[in-house]
């Protein structure tokens, strides 16, 4: 098979994704202090993105070195499962951030831990089911006309995935709007109680809104082009269009560790300890709640 530069780009993207998220998974798994619900959700996101990166590498390896329809189904199933779990984990993190603000007094309770496990079970359960569909027979290997822009997934399968994405995006958008309102209200109350200047309140509110815009904007810009094209395109469209929309979608898994893990000061502390062998007492340290935006 002639080497496709787009496949090489996807493989490189998968390698970077795997390396970044492997660091996050190892840090959270081997650090007993990082067992709060927030870190469980970040770990779920990193695990999903790690599997997505490995799936991209395996897909490249099997296409060019061990071509097989059966293995192709397995790798595509892995990619569907991992990317669906990644998007689902982003939704659970958004829900957790919203609840940490809305129910701030009861957030740090046993019920929060239980709710976190339930969300993770539902997210991964649905993702695995989506990924198993092509393996269990819902594919277009025997009917080319039923293929979508991503062979061997069927058009109907990809439509379901796209509609599910738009539903998740709509819920995240609504929750972040509510988070933004709560952040603005809290910032105003703190400014009034502590007699801060109006400019200070404005700066704090603007910073929170800007962070939320970056989070949601990154997610939308990475995934929306591919989700829209999944609804509009079919197997007869040039493969170039699929690559042009799919590659940016993989960047979301590359950016997630930066937004959700490496910005967290507890994780930063562990990384500095591992890299430097010690933790400088001059470095600022502050326990961050899930609602920190």
Protein backbone atom coordinates (compact mmCIF):
# COMPACT_ATOMS: atom_id res chain seq x y z
CA UNK A 1 0.00 0.00 0.00
CA UNK A 2 1.37 3.44 -0.98
CA UNK A 3 2.20 5.56 2.04
CA UNK A 4 -0.41 8.29 2.59
CA UNK A 5 0.96 11.50 4.19
CA UNK A 6 -2.34 12.00 6.01
CA UNK A 7 -2.01 8.60 7.64
CA UNK A 8 1.51 9.55 8.71
CA UNK A 9 0.16 12.78 10.21
CA UNK A 10 -2.50 10.81 12.13
CA UNK A 11 0.15 8.40 13.39
CA UNK A 12 2.35 11.27 14.57
CA UNK A 13 -0.66 12.85 16.26
CA UNK A 14 -1.41 9.51 17.95
CA UNK A 15 2.18 9.26 19.20
CA UNK A 16 2.07 12.72 20.77
CA UNK A 17 -1.36 12.01 22.28
CA UNK A 18 -0.14 8.72 23.76
CA UNK A 19 2.96 10.27 25.34
CA UNK A 20 1.11 13.21 26.88
CA UNK A 21 -1.76 11.22 28.31
CA UNK A 22 0.46 8.35 29.49
CA UNK A 23 2.18 10.87 31.77
CA UNK A 24 -1.17 11.98 33.22
CA UNK A 25 -2.39 8.40 33.73
CA UNK A 26 0.85 7.35 35.46
CA UNK A 27 0.87 10.43 37.71
CA UNK A 28 -2.74 9.92 38.84
CA UNK A 29 -2.46 6.12 39.17
CA UNK A 30 0.74 6.14 41.22
CA UNK A 31 -0.10 9.13 43.45
CA UNK A 32 -2.38 8.11 46.36
CA UNK A 33 -3.16 11.77 47.13
CA UNK A 34 -4.86 12.15 43.73
CA UNK A 35 -7.97 10.10 44.48
CA UNK A 36 -10.58 12.84 44.65
CA UNK A 37 -13.52 12.65 42.20
CA UNK A 38 -12.00 15.46 40.14
CA UNK A 39 -8.85 13.40 39.53
CA UNK A 40 -10.84 10.27 38.75
CA UNK A 41 -12.57 12.18 35.95
CA UNK A 42 -9.30 13.65 34.68
CA UNK A 43 -7.83 10.14 34.79
CA UNK A 44 -10.78 8.82 32.79
CA UNK A 45 -10.25 11.52 30.16
CA UNK A 46 -6.51 10.80 29.99
CA UNK A 47 -7.14 7.04 29.70
CA UNK A 48 -9.61 7.56 26.86
CA UNK A 49 -7.22 9.87 25.02
CA UNK A 50 -4.32 7.46 25.62
CA UNK A 51 -6.32 4.64 24.03
CA UNK A 52 -7.23 6.95 21.15
CA UNK A 53 -3.56 7.70 20.54
CA UNK A 54 -2.65 4.02 20.67
CA UNK A 55 -5.56 3.27 18.33
CA UNK A 56 -4.23 5.73 15.75
CA UNK A 57 -0.77 4.13 15.93
CA UNK A 58 -2.16 0.60 15.67
CA UNK A 59 -4.41 1.56 12.78
CA UNK A 60 -1.42 2.91 10.86
CA UNK A 61 0.69 -0.17 11.65
CA UNK A 62 -1.98 -2.67 10.65
CA UNK A 63 -2.98 -0.83 7.45
CA UNK A 64 0.57 -0.71 6.12
CA UNK A 65 2.20 -3.78 7.67
CA UNK A 66 -0.53 -6.31 8.53
CA UNK A 67 -3.55 -5.51 6.34
CA UNK A 68 -6.60 -7.44 7.53
CA UNK A 69 -10.33 -6.72 7.56
CA UNK A 70 -10.76 -8.37 10.98
CA UNK A 71 -7.97 -6.32 12.54
CA UNK A 72 -9.32 -3.21 10.81
CA UNK A 73 -12.64 -3.73 12.59
CA UNK A 74 -10.87 -4.09 15.94
CA UNK A 75 -8.80 -0.93 15.52
CA UNK A 76 -11.79 1.09 14.31
CA UNK A 77 -13.81 -0.26 17.25
CA UNK A 78 -11.02 0.84 19.60
CA UNK A 79 -10.95 4.31 18.06
CA UNK A 80 -14.73 4.69 18.28
CA UNK A 81 -14.70 3.55 21.92
CA UNK A 82 -11.80 5.78 22.95
CA UNK A 83 -12.90 8.96 21.20
CA UNK A 84 -16.48 8.49 22.45
CA UNK A 85 -15.14 7.94 25.98
CA UNK A 86 -13.01 11.08 25.61
CA UNK A 87 -16.02 13.23 24.68
CA UNK A 88 -18.11 11.56 27.41
CA UNK A 89 -15.38 12.22 29.99
CA UNK A 90 -15.37 15.89 29.01
CA UNK A 91 -19.11 15.93 29.69
CA UNK A 92 -18.65 14.33 33.12
CA UNK A 93 -15.95 16.88 34.00
CA UNK A 94 -18.32 19.69 32.99
CA UNK A 95 -21.11 18.21 35.11
CA UNK A 96 -18.72 17.84 38.05
CA UNK A 97 -17.57 21.47 37.75
CA UNK A 98 -21.16 22.69 37.61
CA UNK A 99 -22.22 20.66 40.65
CA UNK A 100 -19.15 21.78 42.63
CA UNK A 101 -20.44 25.34 42.25
CA UNK A 102 -24.18 24.72 42.43
CA UNK A 103 -23.92 22.38 45.45
CA UNK A 104 -20.76 23.80 46.98
CA UNK A 105 -21.76 22.96 50.59
CA UNK A 106 -22.48 19.28 49.90
CA UNK A 107 -19.97 18.66 47.13
CA UNK A 108 -17.28 17.14 49.36
CA UNK A 109 -19.36 14.20 50.51
CA UNK A 110 -19.62 10.47 49.93
CA UNK A 111 -22.50 11.03 47.55
CA UNK A 112 -20.19 12.91 45.17
CA UNK A 113 -17.86 9.90 44.99
CA UNK A 114 -20.78 7.58 44.25
CA UNK A 115 -22.10 9.93 41.58
CA UNK A 116 -18.66 10.11 39.99
CA UNK A 117 -18.42 6.33 39.69
CA UNK A 118 -21.93 6.16 38.23
CA UNK A 119 -21.07 8.79 35.60
CA UNK A 120 -17.88 6.94 34.68
CA UNK A 121 -19.67 3.59 34.38
CA UNK A 122 -22.37 5.10 32.15
CA UNK A 123 -19.84 6.98 30.00
CA UNK A 124 -17.55 4.02 29.43
CA UNK A 125 -20.45 1.58 29.09
CA UNK A 126 -22.01 3.63 26.30
CA UNK A 127 -18.60 4.12 24.64
CA UNK A 128 -17.83 0.40 24.64
CA UNK A 129 -21.25 -0.36 23.18
CA UNK A 130 -20.65 2.12 20.35
CA UNK A 131 -17.23 0.60 19.70
CA UNK A 132 -18.52 -2.97 19.64
CA UNK A 133 -21.14 -2.30 16.97
CA UNK A 134 -18.80 -2.62 13.95
CA UNK A 135 -17.09 -5.66 15.50
CA UNK A 136 -20.44 -7.36 16.12
CA UNK A 137 -21.48 -6.99 12.50
CA UNK A 138 -22.76 -3.45 11.97
CA UNK A 139 -20.23 -2.56 9.28
CA UNK A 140 -20.12 -2.06 5.52
CA UNK A 141 -17.52 -4.65 4.54
CA UNK A 142 -20.12 -6.54 2.52
CA UNK A 143 -22.13 -3.56 1.30
CA UNK A 144 -20.06 -0.69 -0.07
CA UNK A 145 -23.12 1.51 -0.60
CA UNK A 146 -23.81 1.53 3.16
CA UNK A 147 -20.34 2.91 3.99
CA UNK A 148 -19.80 6.27 5.61
CA UNK A 149 -16.86 8.62 5.20
CA UNK A 150 -15.00 6.36 7.66
CA UNK A 151 -14.81 2.84 6.33
CA UNK A 152 -15.89 0.28 7.58
CA UNK A 153 -18.41 2.25 9.68
CA UNK A 154 -21.89 2.48 8.20
CA UNK A 155 -23.55 5.80 7.46
CA UNK A 156 -26.24 5.17 10.09
CA UNK A 157 -23.65 4.33 12.73
CA UNK A 158 -21.77 7.56 12.08
CA UNK A 159 -25.01 9.56 12.13
CA UNK A 160 -25.80 8.17 15.58
CA UNK A 161 -22.32 9.11 16.78
CA UNK A 162 -22.64 12.62 15.33
CA UNK A 163 -26.08 13.21 16.83
CA UNK A 164 -24.78 11.98 20.18
CA UNK A 165 -21.89 14.44 19.90
CA UNK A 166 -24.22 17.37 19.20
CA UNK A 167 -26.33 16.40 22.22
CA UNK A 168 -23.23 16.30 24.43
CA UNK A 169 -22.06 19.62 23.03
CA UNK A 170 -25.46 21.22 23.68
CA UNK A 171 -25.46 20.00 27.30
CA UNK A 172 -21.88 21.22 27.84
CA UNK A 173 -22.72 24.60 26.34
CA UNK A 174 -25.74 24.99 28.63
CA UNK A 175 -23.75 23.93 31.71
CA UNK A 176 -20.90 26.30 30.93
CA UNK A 177 -23.38 29.15 30.52
CA UNK A 178 -24.72 28.32 33.99
CA UNK A 179 -21.16 28.06 35.36
CA UNK A 180 -20.39 31.47 33.88
CA UNK A 181 -23.43 32.98 35.61
CA UNK A 182 -22.47 31.44 38.95
CA UNK A 183 -18.85 32.59 38.62
CA UNK A 184 -19.96 36.15 37.85
CA UNK A 185 -22.37 36.16 40.79
CA UNK A 186 -19.76 34.77 43.20
CA UNK A 187 -17.11 37.24 42.01
CA UNK A 188 -19.53 40.12 42.55
CA UNK A 189 -20.48 38.91 46.05
CA UNK A 190 -16.82 38.56 47.06
CA UNK A 191 -16.04 42.01 45.68
CA UNK A 192 -18.87 43.55 47.70
CA UNK A 193 -18.00 41.70 50.93
CA UNK A 194 -14.29 42.55 50.76
CA UNK A 195 -14.84 46.05 49.36
CA UNK A 196 -12.83 45.32 46.22
CA UNK A 197 -12.74 47.88 43.47
CA UNK A 198 -15.08 47.38 40.53
CA UNK A 199 -12.06 46.94 38.26
CA UNK A 200 -10.87 43.99 40.36
CA UNK A 201 -14.28 42.35 40.07
CA UNK A 202 -14.24 42.95 36.32
CA UNK A 203 -10.78 41.40 35.91
CA UNK A 204 -11.71 38.30 37.95
CA UNK A 205 -14.95 37.78 36.04
CA UNK A 206 -13.31 38.34 32.66
CA UNK A 207 -10.57 35.84 33.48
CA UNK A 208 -13.11 33.15 34.41
CA UNK A 209 -15.20 33.76 31.31
CA UNK A 210 -12.10 33.71 29.10
CA UNK A 211 -11.03 30.35 30.54
CA UNK A 212 -14.47 28.87 29.93
CA UNK A 213 -14.43 30.24 26.38
CA UNK A 214 -11.06 28.60 25.72
CA UNK A 215 -12.28 25.23 27.07
CA UNK A 216 -15.50 25.17 25.07
CA UNK A 217 -14.01 26.88 22.02
CA UNK A 218 -11.19 24.34 21.79
CA UNK A 219 -13.62 21.43 22.04
CA UNK A 220 -15.95 22.90 19.41
CA UNK A 221 -13.26 23.92 16.92
CA UNK A 222 -11.67 20.46 17.05
CA UNK A 223 -14.77 18.29 16.79
CA UNK A 224 -17.52 20.31 15.05
CA UNK A 225 -16.06 20.17 11.50
CA UNK A 226 -15.78 16.39 11.63
CA UNK A 227 -19.22 15.94 13.26
CA UNK A 228 -20.89 18.11 10.62
CA UNK A 229 -19.08 16.34 7.79
CA UNK A 230 -20.19 12.96 9.18
CA UNK A 231 -23.79 14.05 8.67
CA UNK A 232 -23.29 15.55 5.20
CA UNK A 233 -20.73 13.26 3.57
CA UNK A 234 -20.83 9.67 2.33
CA UNK A 235 -18.46 7.04 0.97
CA UNK A 236 -18.37 8.64 -2.50
CA UNK A 237 -16.77 11.85 -1.20
CA UNK A 238 -12.96 12.23 -1.59
CA UNK A 239 -10.98 10.78 1.33
CA UNK A 240 -9.12 14.09 1.53
CA UNK A 241 -12.16 15.73 3.15
CA UNK A 242 -12.29 13.04 5.81
CA UNK A 243 -8.62 13.49 6.67
CA UNK A 244 -8.95 17.29 6.75
CA UNK A 245 -11.71 17.11 9.36
CA UNK A 246 -10.54 14.05 11.29
CA UNK A 247 -6.99 15.27 11.94
CA UNK A 248 -8.12 18.43 13.81
CA UNK A 249 -10.48 16.25 15.87
CA UNK A 250 -7.48 14.28 17.14
CA UNK A 251 -5.90 17.54 18.30
CA UNK A 252 -8.54 17.75 21.02
CA UNK A 253 -6.99 14.69 22.69
CA UNK A 254 -3.62 16.41 22.36
CA UNK A 255 -4.85 19.61 24.03
CA UNK A 256 -6.93 17.98 26.79
CA UNK A 257 -3.94 17.17 29.06
CA UNK A 258 -2.81 20.79 28.89
CA UNK A 259 -6.25 22.17 29.79
CA UNK A 260 -7.41 19.65 32.37
CA UNK A 261 -4.25 18.10 33.87
CA UNK A 262 -1.06 20.11 33.47
CA UNK A 263 -2.78 23.31 34.66
CA UNK A 264 -3.72 21.61 37.94
CA UNK A 265 -1.27 22.54 40.67
CA UNK A 266 -1.46 19.17 42.46
CA UNK A 267 -0.42 17.42 39.25
CA UNK A 268 2.22 20.09 38.65
CA UNK A 269 3.63 19.39 42.11
CA UNK A 270 3.95 15.66 41.37
CA UNK A 271 5.57 16.33 37.99
CA UNK A 272 8.09 18.72 39.55
CA UNK A 273 8.86 16.15 42.21
CA UNK A 274 9.50 13.46 39.61
CA UNK A 275 11.49 15.69 37.25
CA UNK A 276 13.57 17.55 39.82
CA UNK A 277 13.69 15.05 42.66
CA UNK A 278 12.41 17.68 45.02
CA UNK A 279 9.67 20.23 45.36
CA UNK A 280 10.74 23.81 45.81
CA UNK A 281 9.10 25.42 48.79
CA UNK A 282 9.13 28.74 46.94
CA UNK A 283 6.66 27.47 44.35
CA UNK A 284 3.09 28.58 45.01
CA UNK A 285 0.76 25.77 45.97
CA UNK A 286 -2.97 25.94 46.35
CA UNK A 287 -5.51 23.17 46.40
CA UNK A 288 -7.77 23.68 43.41
CA UNK A 289 -11.40 22.70 43.43
CA UNK A 290 -13.17 21.40 40.31
CA UNK A 291 -14.89 24.77 40.00
CA UNK A 292 -11.63 26.65 39.46
CA UNK A 293 -11.94 28.06 35.97
